[in-house]
Structure formats: C-alpha cells, structure tokens
C-alpha cells in the first residue's frame, strides 16, 4: 500500500547520522516524490542524507501557507498510483508548526496510510531538558506579533501554567527572539520559571531554565537562533 511518510529534518546544519536513524535514511532514499516547504533547502538535506541520491530524478511539490486546497489534491495523486510520498519540513518534524498537517488530513480522508518517522522534535527535546512539567504541557505555536497582544498572551500563558500546573511552550521567528525574551522578562513575575532552548542538537546548543529574576541578571543574545520558550509558574 502506498504510504505518506512524515520525514523529520535536522534542526540545523548538523550531521544527519546523529539525529536521523539509519532506517529512516533508507526510507528517504527510496522515496521519489516529496512535498516540501522549500525545494532548495530540501535538496541540500537529501544530499546530506546521501550524496548518491540523484536529485534530478525526484519530484518536488511546494507546500506553504499560500498553497490552495486543489493543489494539495494534486500533490497526493502519486499515492493513488501506488507511489510513496514524503513530507519534509524546513526543520524538525513535519505536521507540527508547519503546513504539513493539511496534507495528512487529506491523506486520512482518502484512506491512505500515513507513517511518522523518528527524528528530532525541538518541542519535545526542549521539554525533556527543561525540568518543567512533562506530564502536562501545551504547545502554543507563535504568539501575536503586535506587542500589546503578545504581552496579553504571555500573561495568559503564565496564569494558565500556574492554575493548571501546565508547562506552556511557544516559538518565535528567530530574528524576533530578543524582543520576545524582553517582553517575557518584563511581563512575568520574578519567580516564574522560563526555559530557553536554542540551537538544539547543534554545536552551539544552549538550554537553560531559570526564574525571571535570575534571567534579568544574565540575559543571553538569542538573535537569529532557532529557539523554544517554555513558561511555568509553580
């Protein structure tokens, strides 16, 4: 039966072998049709998996926030012909905080097999290293761009973390990380715990959990570094 494979990408330019299992690499080599966010970066990733992969023999479909539903129908047509299809995100696991979920939803509707493959998830890796509540946590995606709305959301997440004893996880566009961190530190209570996990799995990896008061004494620069933020007020 033709399968829609959810293929994990690395979280940055790092050796593939350290984060992508050999079995997954074998599946990647066997797939000839890919649904991706960016063809150029996907081609680079595939070459890092195996330099012998003949990129010119592969078919790529671009899936982003501008993709129309009728185009998604076309993307999964190879499944009807018995061909496997792979979905690859720009970083980490597809279908989480990226457009891949729309393809999966349609595949399920049409009765195709969907298989998630093992690979790095920045959300789970950050939670593992945070020391916060891994029994109950919520991923909130991106917070509002406008400062008043963003501050309001931060306050809401802090309150929710305290009332429900639930870790609140979210992300930001890398070039706005420092602004986000400043807003967190100026908004949350001094005893609220904040985990910052950036460049996960890379040589420059930085993961630290501290109170707002502690962060204010020594705040790192997060500019243009892929980061996960976690709030928990105990």
C-alpha atoms as a PDB file:
ATOM      1  CA  UNK A   1       0.000   0.000   0.000  1.00  0.00           C
ATOM      2  CA  UNK A   2       1.343   3.449  -0.925  1.00  0.00           C
ATOM      3  CA  UNK A   3       2.441   5.428   2.113  1.00  0.00           C
ATOM      4  CA  UNK A   4       2.665   9.092   3.054  1.00  0.00           C
ATOM      5  CA  UNK A   5       5.870   9.330   5.090  1.00  0.00           C
ATOM      6  CA  UNK A   6       6.301  12.198   7.548  1.00  0.00           C
ATOM      7  CA  UNK A   7      10.057  12.663   7.293  1.00  0.00           C
ATOM      8  CA  UNK A   8      11.956  14.555  10.022  1.00  0.00           C
ATOM      9  CA  UNK A   9      14.589  17.080   9.043  1.00  0.00           C
ATOM     10  CA  UNK A  10      17.586  18.148  11.093  1.00  0.00           C
ATOM     11  CA  UNK A  11      17.159  21.244  13.283  1.00  0.00           C
ATOM     12  CA  UNK A  12      20.079  22.934  11.565  1.00  0.00           C
ATOM     13  CA  UNK A  13      23.261  22.089   9.701  1.00  0.00           C
ATOM     14  CA  UNK A  14      24.340  19.134  11.771  1.00  0.00           C
ATOM     15  CA  UNK A  15      25.479  15.583  10.877  1.00  0.00           C
ATOM     16  CA  UNK A  16      22.435  13.608   9.745  1.00  0.00           C
ATOM     17  CA  UNK A  17      23.650  10.405  11.363  1.00  0.00           C
ATOM     18  CA  UNK A  18      23.449  11.903  14.832  1.00  0.00           C
ATOM     19  CA  UNK A  19      19.721  12.662  14.684  1.00  0.00           C
ATOM     20  CA  UNK A  20      18.169  10.640  11.841  1.00  0.00           C
ATOM     21  CA  UNK A  21      18.125   6.811  12.351  1.00  0.00           C
ATOM     22  CA  UNK A  22      19.603   4.601   9.634  1.00  0.00           C
ATOM     23  CA  UNK A  23      16.206   3.004   8.978  1.00  0.00           C
ATOM     24  CA  UNK A  24      14.721   6.425   8.277  1.00  0.00           C
ATOM     25  CA  UNK A  25      17.605   7.291   5.965  1.00  0.00           C
ATOM     26  CA  UNK A  26      16.878   4.117   3.988  1.00  0.00           C
ATOM     27  CA  UNK A  27      13.235   5.148   3.563  1.00  0.00           C
ATOM     28  CA  UNK A  28      14.307   8.632   2.432  1.00  0.00           C
ATOM     29  CA  UNK A  29      16.500   7.069  -0.269  1.00  0.00           C
ATOM     30  CA  UNK A  30      13.557   5.029  -1.544  1.00  0.00           C
ATOM     31  CA  UNK A  31      11.084   7.923  -1.895  1.00  0.00           C
ATOM     32  CA  UNK A  32      10.870   9.694  -5.259  1.00  0.00           C
ATOM     33  CA  UNK A  33       8.116  12.240  -4.589  1.00  0.00           C
ATOM     34  CA  UNK A  34       8.404  14.919  -1.897  1.00  0.00           C
ATOM     35  CA  UNK A  35       6.111  17.608  -0.515  1.00  0.00           C
ATOM     36  CA  UNK A  36       8.293  20.345   0.974  1.00  0.00           C
ATOM     37  CA  UNK A  37       8.338  23.936   2.194  1.00  0.00           C
ATOM     38  CA  UNK A  38      11.384  24.922   0.143  1.00  0.00           C
ATOM     39  CA  UNK A  39      12.849  22.875  -2.695  1.00  0.00           C
ATOM     40  CA  UNK A  40      16.381  24.280  -2.473  1.00  0.00           C
ATOM     41  CA  UNK A  41      16.888  23.538   1.224  1.00  0.00           C
ATOM     42  CA  UNK A  42      15.264  20.108   0.816  1.00  0.00           C
ATOM     43  CA  UNK A  43      17.675  19.234  -1.966  1.00  0.00           C
ATOM     44  CA  UNK A  44      20.557  20.136   0.353  1.00  0.00           C
ATOM     45  CA  UNK A  45      19.107  17.978   3.123  1.00  0.00           C
ATOM     46  CA  UNK A  46      18.721  14.985   0.795  1.00  0.00           C
ATOM     47  CA  UNK A  47      22.330  15.333  -0.357  1.00  0.00           C
ATOM     48  CA  UNK A  48      23.420  15.358   3.275  1.00  0.00           C
ATOM     49  CA  UNK A  49      21.484  12.126   3.789  1.00  0.00           C
ATOM     50  CA  UNK A  50      23.203  10.527   0.812  1.00  0.00           C
ATOM     51  CA  UNK A  51      25.361  12.241  -1.801  1.00  0.00           C
ATOM     52  CA  UNK A  52      24.447   9.455  -4.241  1.00  0.00           C
ATOM     53  CA  UNK A  53      20.767  10.498  -4.364  1.00  0.00           C
ATOM     54  CA  UNK A  54      20.006  11.689  -7.917  1.00  0.00           C
ATOM     55  CA  UNK A  55      18.066  14.877  -7.218  1.00  0.00           C
ATOM     56  CA  UNK A  56      17.102  15.336 -10.877  1.00  0.00           C
ATOM     57  CA  UNK A  57      15.037  12.131 -10.835  1.00  0.00           C
ATOM     58  CA  UNK A  58      12.865  13.328  -7.949  1.00  0.00           C
ATOM     59  CA  UNK A  59       9.581  15.209  -7.987  1.00  0.00           C
ATOM     60  CA  UNK A  60       9.025  18.112  -5.602  1.00  0.00           C
ATOM     61  CA  UNK A  61       5.810  19.902  -4.652  1.00  0.00           C
ATOM     62  CA  UNK A  62       5.937  23.111  -2.621  1.00  0.00           C
ATOM     63  CA  UNK A  63       3.566  23.352   0.335  1.00  0.00           C
ATOM     64  CA  UNK A  64       3.342  26.653   2.209  1.00  0.00           C
ATOM     65  CA  UNK A  65       0.694  28.999   3.595  1.00  0.00           C
ATOM     66  CA  UNK A  66      -0.137  30.151   0.061  1.00  0.00           C
ATOM     67  CA  UNK A  67      -0.895  26.643  -1.237  1.00  0.00           C
ATOM     68  CA  UNK A  68      -4.505  26.119  -2.309  1.00  0.00           C
ATOM     69  CA  UNK A  69      -6.551  23.018  -1.415  1.00  0.00           C
ATOM     70  CA  UNK A  70      -6.801  21.921  -5.057  1.00  0.00           C
ATOM     71  CA  UNK A  71      -3.007  21.953  -5.251  1.00  0.00           C
ATOM     72  CA  UNK A  72      -2.805  19.656  -2.230  1.00  0.00           C
ATOM     73  CA  UNK A  73      -5.110  17.232  -4.051  1.00  0.00           C
ATOM     74  CA  UNK A  74      -2.582  17.143  -6.877  1.00  0.00           C
ATOM     75  CA  UNK A  75       0.322  16.565  -4.505  1.00  0.00           C
ATOM     76  CA  UNK A  76      -1.057  13.287  -3.186  1.00  0.00           C
ATOM     77  CA  UNK A  77      -2.061  11.933  -6.597  1.00  0.00           C
ATOM     78  CA  UNK A  78       1.084   9.743  -6.711  1.00  0.00           C
ATOM     79  CA  UNK A  79      -0.341   7.796  -3.740  1.00  0.00           C
ATOM     80  CA  UNK A  80      -3.283   6.759  -5.899  1.00  0.00           C
ATOM     81  CA  UNK A  81      -0.777   5.359  -8.394  1.00  0.00           C
ATOM     82  CA  UNK A  82       0.979   3.304  -5.724  1.00  0.00           C
ATOM     83  CA  UNK A  83       3.936   5.653  -5.217  1.00  0.00           C
ATOM     84  CA  UNK A  84       5.167   6.591  -1.759  1.00  0.00           C
ATOM     85  CA  UNK A  85       5.305  10.293  -0.926  1.00  0.00           C
ATOM     86  CA  UNK A  86       7.440  12.046   1.688  1.00  0.00           C
ATOM     87  CA  UNK A  87       6.595  15.255   3.548  1.00  0.00           C
ATOM     88  CA  UNK A  88       9.624  17.231   4.766  1.00  0.00           C
ATOM     89  CA  UNK A  89       9.552  20.342   6.937  1.00  0.00           C
ATOM     90  CA  UNK A  90      12.227  23.039   6.902  1.00  0.00           C
ATOM     91  CA  UNK A  91      13.381  21.789  10.299  1.00  0.00           C
ATOM     92  CA  UNK A  92      12.307  19.082  12.710  1.00  0.00           C
ATOM     93  CA  UNK A  93       9.119  17.066  12.426  1.00  0.00           C
ATOM     94  CA  UNK A  94       6.596  17.846   9.655  1.00  0.00           C
ATOM     95  CA  UNK A  95       2.970  18.378  10.563  1.00  0.00           C
ATOM     96  CA  UNK A  96       3.909  20.251  13.749  1.00  0.00           C
ATOM     97  CA  UNK A  97       4.014  24.062  13.476  1.00  0.00           C
ATOM     98  CA  UNK A  98       4.157  23.844   9.677  1.00  0.00           C
ATOM     99  CA  UNK A  99       1.723  23.374   6.751  1.00  0.00           C
ATOM    100  CA  UNK A 100       2.219  19.585   6.526  1.00  0.00           C
ATOM    101  CA  UNK A 101      -0.895  18.819   8.592  1.00  0.00           C
ATOM    102  CA  UNK A 102      -3.172  19.776   5.676  1.00  0.00           C
ATOM    103  CA  UNK A 103      -1.646  17.029   3.510  1.00  0.00           C
ATOM    104  CA  UNK A 104      -2.003  14.447   6.280  1.00  0.00           C
ATOM    105  CA  UNK A 105      -5.620  15.409   6.849  1.00  0.00           C
ATOM    106  CA  UNK A 106      -6.447  14.830   3.178  1.00  0.00           C
ATOM    107  CA  UNK A 107      -4.495  11.556   3.107  1.00  0.00           C
ATOM    108  CA  UNK A 108      -6.529  10.227   6.036  1.00  0.00           C
ATOM    109  CA  UNK A 109      -9.738  11.335   4.372  1.00  0.00           C
ATOM    110  CA  UNK A 110      -8.860   9.351   1.254  1.00  0.00           C
ATOM    111  CA  UNK A 111      -7.772   6.295   3.225  1.00  0.00           C
ATOM    112  CA  UNK A 112      -4.048   6.390   2.553  1.00  0.00           C
ATOM    113  CA  UNK A 113      -1.505   5.071   5.037  1.00  0.00           C
ATOM    114  CA  UNK A 114       0.347   7.761   7.000  1.00  0.00           C
ATOM    115  CA  UNK A 115       3.608   6.852   8.773  1.00  0.00           C
ATOM    116  CA  UNK A 116       5.503   9.290  11.058  1.00  0.00           C
ATOM    117  CA  UNK A 117       9.233   8.636  11.107  1.00  0.00           C
ATOM    118  CA  UNK A 118      11.569   9.100  14.060  1.00  0.00           C
ATOM    119  CA  UNK A 119      13.646  12.265  14.204  1.00  0.00           C
ATOM    120  CA  UNK A 120      14.390  15.423  16.192  1.00  0.00           C
ATOM    121  CA  UNK A 121      11.496  17.433  17.630  1.00  0.00           C
ATOM    122  CA  UNK A 122      12.619  20.734  19.127  1.00  0.00           C
ATOM    123  CA  UNK A 123       9.452  20.869  21.236  1.00  0.00           C
ATOM    124  CA  UNK A 124       9.981  17.501  22.910  1.00  0.00           C
ATOM    125  CA  UNK A 125      13.740  17.919  23.240  1.00  0.00           C
ATOM    126  CA  UNK A 126      13.230  21.285  24.940  1.00  0.00           C
ATOM    127  CA  UNK A 127      10.663  19.809  27.312  1.00  0.00           C
ATOM    128  CA  UNK A 128      12.992  16.910  28.157  1.00  0.00           C
ATOM    129  CA  UNK A 129      15.766  19.305  29.153  1.00  0.00           C
ATOM    130  CA  UNK A 130      13.623  21.971  30.828  1.00  0.00           C
ATOM    131  CA  UNK A 131      12.947  20.360  34.200  1.00  0.00           C
ATOM    132  CA  UNK A 132       9.338  21.517  33.876  1.00  0.00           C
ATOM    133  CA  UNK A 133       6.127  19.512  33.933  1.00  0.00           C
ATOM    134  CA  UNK A 134       6.394  16.908  31.188  1.00  0.00           C
ATOM    135  CA  UNK A 135       3.150  15.258  32.320  1.00  0.00           C
ATOM    136  CA  UNK A 136       1.115  18.263  31.226  1.00  0.00           C
ATOM    137  CA  UNK A 137       2.292  20.792  28.668  1.00  0.00           C
ATOM    138  CA  UNK A 138       0.786  22.753  25.787  1.00  0.00           C
ATOM    139  CA  UNK A 139       2.402  23.892  22.557  1.00  0.00           C
ATOM    140  CA  UNK A 140       1.060  27.319  21.599  1.00  0.00           C
ATOM    141  CA  UNK A 141       2.906  27.911  18.340  1.00  0.00           C
ATOM    142  CA  UNK A 142       3.687  31.549  17.555  1.00  0.00           C
ATOM    143  CA  UNK A 143       2.433  34.325  19.820  1.00  0.00           C
ATOM    144  CA  UNK A 144       0.846  37.513  18.373  1.00  0.00           C
ATOM    145  CA  UNK A 145       3.193  39.881  16.527  1.00  0.00           C
ATOM    146  CA  UNK A 146       1.783  43.128  17.946  1.00  0.00           C
ATOM    147  CA  UNK A 147       3.293  43.963  21.325  1.00  0.00           C
ATOM    148  CA  UNK A 148       0.041  44.636  23.282  1.00  0.00           C
ATOM    149  CA  UNK A 149      -1.470  41.353  22.056  1.00  0.00           C
ATOM    150  CA  UNK A 150       1.771  39.478  22.691  1.00  0.00           C
ATOM    151  CA  UNK A 151       2.057  40.775  26.268  1.00  0.00           C
ATOM    152  CA  UNK A 152      -1.569  39.854  26.894  1.00  0.00           C
ATOM    153  CA  UNK A 153      -0.898  36.327  25.613  1.00  0.00           C
ATOM    154  CA  UNK A 154       2.224  35.951  27.763  1.00  0.00           C
ATOM    155  CA  UNK A 155       0.216  36.915  30.846  1.00  0.00           C
ATOM    156  CA  UNK A 156      -2.465  34.416  29.865  1.00  0.00           C
ATOM    157  CA  UNK A 157       0.078  31.609  29.478  1.00  0.00           C
ATOM    158  CA  UNK A 158       1.709  32.441  32.799  1.00  0.00           C
ATOM    159  CA  UNK A 159      -1.669  32.391  34.560  1.00  0.00           C
ATOM    160  CA  UNK A 160      -2.642  29.144  32.866  1.00  0.00           C
ATOM    161  CA  UNK A 161       0.656  27.492  33.820  1.00  0.00           C
ATOM    162  CA  UNK A 162       0.017  28.337  37.479  1.00  0.00           C
ATOM    163  CA  UNK A 163      -3.679  27.408  37.581  1.00  0.00           C
ATOM    164  CA  UNK A 164      -3.310  24.136  35.676  1.00  0.00           C
ATOM    165  CA  UNK A 165       0.320  23.360  36.620  1.00  0.00           C
ATOM    166  CA  UNK A 166       0.952  23.023  32.904  1.00  0.00           C
ATOM    167  CA  UNK A 167       4.133  23.991  31.056  1.00  0.00           C
ATOM    168  CA  UNK A 168       3.430  26.488  28.259  1.00  0.00           C
ATOM    169  CA  UNK A 169       5.612  26.072  25.162  1.00  0.00           C
ATOM    170  CA  UNK A 170       5.882  28.501  22.238  1.00  0.00           C
ATOM    171  CA  UNK A 171       8.214  29.682  19.494  1.00  0.00           C
ATOM    172  CA  UNK A 172       9.152  32.886  17.726  1.00  0.00           C
ATOM    173  CA  UNK A 173      10.690  33.842  14.402  1.00  0.00           C
ATOM    174  CA  UNK A 174      14.458  33.795  15.123  1.00  0.00           C
ATOM    175  CA  UNK A 175      15.101  37.465  14.307  1.00  0.00           C
ATOM    176  CA  UNK A 176      12.433  38.497  16.859  1.00  0.00           C
ATOM    177  CA  UNK A 177      13.703  36.248  19.683  1.00  0.00           C
ATOM    178  CA  UNK A 178      15.378  39.016  21.677  1.00  0.00           C
ATOM    179  CA  UNK A 179      12.247  41.166  21.546  1.00  0.00           C
ATOM    180  CA  UNK A 180      10.163  38.205  22.680  1.00  0.00           C
ATOM    181  CA  UNK A 181      12.529  37.426  25.544  1.00  0.00           C
ATOM    182  CA  UNK A 182      12.482  41.069  26.673  1.00  0.00           C
ATOM    183  CA  UNK A 183       8.675  41.007  26.711  1.00  0.00           C
ATOM    184  CA  UNK A 184       8.644  37.778  28.730  1.00  0.00           C
ATOM    185  CA  UNK A 185      11.048  39.173  31.332  1.00  0.00           C
ATOM    186  CA  UNK A 186       9.211  42.488  31.639  1.00  0.00           C
ATOM    187  CA  UNK A 187       5.785  40.833  31.849  1.00  0.00           C
ATOM    188  CA  UNK A 188       6.120  37.714  34.011  1.00  0.00           C
ATOM    189  CA  UNK A 189       6.509  37.564  37.789  1.00  0.00           C
ATOM    190  CA  UNK A 190      10.053  37.426  39.151  1.00  0.00           C
ATOM    191  CA  UNK A 191       9.576  33.851  40.441  1.00  0.00           C
ATOM    192  CA  UNK A 192       8.136  32.462  37.191  1.00  0.00           C
ATOM    193  CA  UNK A 193      10.423  29.901  35.571  1.00  0.00           C
ATOM    194  CA  UNK A 194      11.472  30.350  31.954  1.00  0.00           C
ATOM    195  CA  UNK A 195      13.274  27.774  29.848  1.00  0.00           C
ATOM    196  CA  UNK A 196      15.150  28.928  26.771  1.00  0.00           C
ATOM    197  CA  UNK A 197      16.299  26.180  24.410  1.00  0.00           C
ATOM    198  CA  UNK A 198      18.025  27.301  21.240  1.00  0.00           C
ATOM    199  CA  UNK A 199      20.156  25.696  18.528  1.00  0.00           C
ATOM    200  CA  UNK A 200      19.014  22.295  19.781  1.00  0.00           C
ATOM    201  CA  UNK A 201      21.269  19.414  18.588  1.00  0.00           C
ATOM    202  CA  UNK A 202      23.793  21.887  17.115  1.00  0.00           C
ATOM    203  CA  UNK A 203      27.301  22.569  18.428  1.00  0.00           C
ATOM    204  CA  UNK A 204      26.057  25.947  19.706  1.00  0.00           C
ATOM    205  CA  UNK A 205      23.167  24.349  21.641  1.00  0.00           C
ATOM    206  CA  UNK A 206      22.060  26.384  24.655  1.00  0.00           C
ATOM    207  CA  UNK A 207      19.396  25.186  27.106  1.00  0.00           C
ATOM    208  CA  UNK A 208      18.769  26.803  30.450  1.00  0.00           C
ATOM    209  CA  UNK A 209      15.885  27.122  32.922  1.00  0.00           C
ATOM    210  CA  UNK A 210      15.885  29.952  35.449  1.00  0.00           C
ATOM    211  CA  UNK A 211      13.493  32.365  37.142  1.00  0.00           C
ATOM    212  CA  UNK A 212      12.699  35.711  35.570  1.00  0.00           C
ATOM    213  CA  UNK A 213      14.738  37.405  38.303  1.00  0.00           C
ATOM    214  CA  UNK A 214      17.748  35.205  37.506  1.00  0.00           C
ATOM    215  CA  UNK A 215      17.446  35.766  33.743  1.00  0.00           C
ATOM    216  CA  UNK A 216      17.442  39.543  34.223  1.00  0.00           C
ATOM    217  CA  UNK A 217      20.911  39.314  35.778  1.00  0.00           C
ATOM    218  CA  UNK A 218      22.357  37.430  32.802  1.00  0.00           C
ATOM    219  CA  UNK A 219      20.344  37.525  29.581  1.00  0.00           C
ATOM    220  CA  UNK A 220      21.932  35.874  26.516  1.00  0.00           C
ATOM    221  CA  UNK A 221      21.520  37.084  22.951  1.00  0.00           C
ATOM    222  CA  UNK A 222      19.138  34.834  21.018  1.00  0.00           C
ATOM    223  CA  UNK A 223      19.113  36.818  17.777  1.00  0.00           C
ATOM    224  CA  UNK A 224      18.558  34.641  14.703  1.00  0.00           C
ATOM    225  CA  UNK A 225      18.954  31.429  16.734  1.00  0.00           C
ATOM    226  CA  UNK A 226      16.033  28.937  16.435  1.00  0.00           C
ATOM    227  CA  UNK A 227      14.563  28.868  19.935  1.00  0.00           C
ATOM    228  CA  UNK A 228      11.874  27.301  22.080  1.00  0.00           C
ATOM    229  CA  UNK A 229      10.453  29.183  25.074  1.00  0.00           C
ATOM    230  CA  UNK A 230       8.716  27.490  27.992  1.00  0.00           C
ATOM    231  CA  UNK A 231       6.880  29.281  30.805  1.00  0.00           C
ATOM    232  CA  UNK A 232       5.910  27.685  34.102  1.00  0.00           C
ATOM    233  CA  UNK A 233       4.847  29.478  37.250  1.00  0.00           C
ATOM    234  CA  UNK A 234       4.909  26.985  40.122  1.00  0.00           C
END
